[in-house]
Amino acid sequence: MARSVDKRGTGGRVMKEPKSRRSTRGAVQVEYAFLLLFVMVPSAAVLLIGGRLMYQTYTDTRTAILSSMP
């Protein structure tokens, strides 16, 4: 079995293999999933509720302003 040896003169010590890309990609996907779950979903819900209230206030105010004009 071949051993991976550092070619920069480490005196023949065996270097550890780097992590596979698959495990790194999996960790990044988990981070994005947590970001989506704990930050983006609540933010979108707040914007949706706040937008609905702002639109309702806008329509009420617009109706009040336009009804007071002759």
N, C-alpha and C. Protein backbone atom coordinates (compact mmCIF):
# COMPACT_ATOMS: atom_id res chain seq x y z
N MET A 1 0.85 -1.18 0.00
CA MET A 1 0.00 0.00 0.00
C MET A 1 0.90 1.24 0.00
N ALA A 2 0.60 2.20 -0.85
CA ALA A 2 1.41 3.40 -0.97
C ALA A 2 1.08 4.36 0.16
N ARG A 3 2.13 4.99 0.66
CA ARG A 3 1.95 5.98 1.72
C ARG A 3 2.21 7.36 1.14
N SER A 4 1.43 8.34 1.59
CA SER A 4 1.66 9.69 1.07
C SER A 4 2.69 10.37 1.96
N VAL A 5 3.76 10.83 1.33
CA VAL A 5 4.86 11.45 2.05
C VAL A 5 4.97 12.89 1.58
N ASP A 6 5.22 13.78 2.54
CA ASP A 6 5.42 15.18 2.19
C ASP A 6 6.72 15.32 1.43
N LYS A 7 6.69 16.02 0.30
CA LYS A 7 7.86 16.16 -0.54
C LYS A 7 8.69 17.38 -0.18
N ARG A 8 8.37 18.09 0.88
CA ARG A 8 9.11 19.29 1.23
C ARG A 8 10.21 19.02 2.26
N GLY A 9 10.57 17.79 2.45
CA GLY A 9 11.68 17.48 3.34
C GLY A 9 11.29 17.38 4.79
N THR A 10 10.28 16.59 5.12
CA THR A 10 9.87 16.43 6.51
C THR A 10 10.55 15.22 7.14
N GLY A 11 11.59 14.70 6.50
CA GLY A 11 12.32 13.60 7.08
C GLY A 11 11.59 12.27 6.97
N GLY A 12 10.73 12.11 5.99
CA GLY A 12 10.05 10.84 5.77
C GLY A 12 8.81 10.63 6.61
N ARG A 13 8.38 11.67 7.31
CA ARG A 13 7.15 11.53 8.11
C ARG A 13 5.95 11.44 7.20
N VAL A 14 5.00 10.65 7.58
CA VAL A 14 3.78 10.49 6.80
C VAL A 14 2.83 11.62 7.15
N MET A 15 2.33 12.30 6.12
CA MET A 15 1.39 13.41 6.33
C MET A 15 -0.03 12.87 6.30
N LYS A 16 -0.91 13.52 7.04
CA LYS A 16 -2.32 13.12 7.04
C LYS A 16 -2.96 13.47 5.71
N GLU A 17 -3.86 12.63 5.30
CA GLU A 17 -4.62 12.89 4.08
C GLU A 17 -5.58 14.05 4.35
N PRO A 18 -5.77 14.94 3.39
CA PRO A 18 -6.75 16.02 3.60
C PRO A 18 -8.16 15.46 3.64
N LYS A 19 -9.06 16.20 4.26
CA LYS A 19 -10.46 15.77 4.30
C LYS A 19 -11.00 15.66 2.89
N SER A 20 -11.88 14.75 2.72
CA SER A 20 -12.46 14.59 1.39
C SER A 20 -13.38 15.78 1.10
N ARG A 21 -13.53 16.06 -0.17
CA ARG A 21 -14.39 17.19 -0.55
C ARG A 21 -15.84 16.91 -0.19
N ARG A 22 -16.21 15.67 -0.21
CA ARG A 22 -17.59 15.32 0.07
C ARG A 22 -17.98 15.73 1.49
N SER A 23 -17.12 15.47 2.47
CA SER A 23 -17.46 15.84 3.85
C SER A 23 -17.47 17.35 4.02
N THR A 24 -16.59 18.05 3.30
CA THR A 24 -16.58 19.51 3.38
C THR A 24 -17.85 20.09 2.76
N ARG A 25 -18.25 19.55 1.62
CA ARG A 25 -19.48 20.03 0.98
C ARG A 25 -20.69 19.76 1.86
N GLY A 26 -20.69 18.61 2.51
CA GLY A 26 -21.80 18.28 3.40
C GLY A 26 -21.90 19.26 4.56
N ALA A 27 -20.75 19.65 5.10
CA ALA A 27 -20.75 20.61 6.21
C ALA A 27 -21.27 21.96 5.76
N VAL A 28 -20.90 22.37 4.55
CA VAL A 28 -21.37 23.65 4.03
C VAL A 28 -22.88 23.60 3.80
N GLN A 29 -23.37 22.49 3.29
CA GLN A 29 -24.81 22.37 3.07
C GLN A 29 -25.57 22.41 4.39
N VAL A 30 -25.01 21.81 5.43
CA VAL A 30 -25.66 21.86 6.74
C VAL A 30 -25.69 23.28 7.26
N GLU A 31 -24.59 24.02 7.07
CA GLU A 31 -24.56 25.43 7.51
C GLU A 31 -25.63 26.25 6.78
N TYR A 32 -25.74 26.05 5.48
CA TYR A 32 -26.77 26.79 4.73
C TYR A 32 -28.17 26.39 5.16
N ALA A 33 -28.37 25.13 5.49
CA ALA A 33 -29.68 24.69 5.96
C ALA A 33 -30.03 25.36 7.28
N PHE A 34 -29.05 25.43 8.20
CA PHE A 34 -29.29 26.12 9.48
C PHE A 34 -29.55 27.60 9.25
N LEU A 35 -28.80 28.22 8.36
CA LEU A 35 -29.00 29.64 8.06
C LEU A 35 -30.41 29.87 7.52
N LEU A 36 -30.81 29.02 6.61
CA LEU A 36 -32.15 29.14 6.04
C LEU A 36 -33.23 28.95 7.10
N LEU A 37 -33.05 27.95 7.94
CA LEU A 37 -34.06 27.62 8.93
C LEU A 37 -34.18 28.66 10.03
N PHE A 38 -33.05 29.10 10.57
CA PHE A 38 -33.07 29.96 11.75
C PHE A 38 -33.02 31.46 11.46
N VAL A 39 -32.69 31.86 10.23
CA VAL A 39 -32.59 33.29 9.93
C VAL A 39 -33.57 33.68 8.83
N MET A 40 -33.51 33.01 7.71
CA MET A 40 -34.28 33.46 6.56
C MET A 40 -35.78 33.20 6.70
N VAL A 41 -36.16 32.06 7.20
CA VAL A 41 -37.59 31.76 7.32
C VAL A 41 -38.28 32.72 8.30
N PRO A 42 -37.72 32.96 9.50
CA PRO A 42 -38.37 33.95 10.38
C PRO A 42 -38.36 35.36 9.80
N SER A 43 -37.28 35.73 9.11
CA SER A 43 -37.22 37.07 8.50
C SER A 43 -38.30 37.22 7.43
N ALA A 44 -38.47 36.20 6.61
CA ALA A 44 -39.51 36.26 5.58
C ALA A 44 -40.90 36.34 6.20
N ALA A 45 -41.11 35.62 7.29
CA ALA A 45 -42.42 35.67 7.96
C ALA A 45 -42.68 37.06 8.52
N VAL A 46 -41.67 37.67 9.12
CA VAL A 46 -41.83 39.03 9.67
C VAL A 46 -42.13 40.01 8.55
N LEU A 47 -41.42 39.91 7.44
CA LEU A 47 -41.67 40.81 6.31
C LEU A 47 -43.07 40.61 5.73
N LEU A 48 -43.51 39.39 5.67
CA LEU A 48 -44.84 39.11 5.15
C LEU A 48 -45.91 39.70 6.06
N ILE A 49 -45.80 39.50 7.35
CA ILE A 49 -46.78 40.04 8.29
C ILE A 49 -46.71 41.56 8.32
N GLY A 50 -45.49 42.11 8.39
CA GLY A 50 -45.33 43.57 8.41
C GLY A 50 -45.83 44.21 7.14
N GLY A 51 -45.57 43.58 6.00
CA GLY A 51 -46.03 44.11 4.72
C GLY A 51 -47.54 44.13 4.64
N ARG A 52 -48.16 43.10 5.14
CA ARG A 52 -49.62 43.04 5.13
C ARG A 52 -50.21 44.16 5.99
N LEU A 53 -49.63 44.39 7.16
CA LEU A 53 -50.11 45.48 8.03
C LEU A 53 -49.87 46.85 7.40
N MET A 54 -48.72 47.02 6.77
CA MET A 54 -48.42 48.31 6.11
C MET A 54 -49.38 48.56 4.96
N TYR A 55 -49.70 47.53 4.19
CA TYR A 55 -50.63 47.69 3.08
C TYR A 55 -52.03 48.05 3.59
N GLN A 56 -52.44 47.41 4.68
CA GLN A 56 -53.76 47.71 5.25
C GLN A 56 -53.82 49.15 5.74
N THR A 57 -52.76 49.62 6.40
CA THR A 57 -52.70 51.00 6.86
C THR A 57 -52.73 51.96 5.67
N TYR A 58 -51.99 51.63 4.62
CA TYR A 58 -51.97 52.46 3.41
C TYR A 58 -53.36 52.58 2.80
N THR A 59 -54.06 51.48 2.65
CA THR A 59 -55.39 51.54 2.03
C THR A 59 -56.37 52.30 2.91
N ASP A 60 -56.30 52.11 4.23
CA ASP A 60 -57.18 52.86 5.13
C ASP A 60 -56.92 54.36 5.03
N THR A 61 -55.66 54.76 5.04
CA THR A 61 -55.30 56.17 4.96
C THR A 61 -55.69 56.76 3.61
N ARG A 62 -55.46 56.03 2.55
CA ARG A 62 -55.82 56.49 1.21
C ARG A 62 -57.33 56.70 1.09
N THR A 63 -58.09 55.76 1.64
CA THR A 63 -59.54 55.89 1.61
C THR A 63 -60.00 57.10 2.41
N ALA A 64 -59.39 57.30 3.57
CA ALA A 64 -59.76 58.46 4.40
C ALA A 64 -59.43 59.76 3.72
N ILE A 65 -58.28 59.85 3.06
CA ILE A 65 -57.88 61.08 2.38
C ILE A 65 -58.79 61.35 1.18
N LEU A 66 -59.03 60.33 0.39
CA LEU A 66 -59.85 60.53 -0.82
C LEU A 66 -61.32 60.78 -0.51
N SER A 67 -61.83 60.24 0.59
CA SER A 67 -63.24 60.46 0.93
C SER A 67 -63.49 61.86 1.50
N SER A 68 -62.44 62.52 2.02
CA SER A 68 -62.64 63.83 2.60
C SER A 68 -62.64 64.94 1.53
N MET A 69 -62.21 64.62 0.31
CA MET A 69 -62.22 65.60 -0.75
C MET A 69 -63.59 65.67 -1.41
N PRO A 70 -64.01 66.86 -1.78
CA PRO A 70 -65.34 66.98 -2.42
C PRO A 70 -65.39 66.42 -3.81
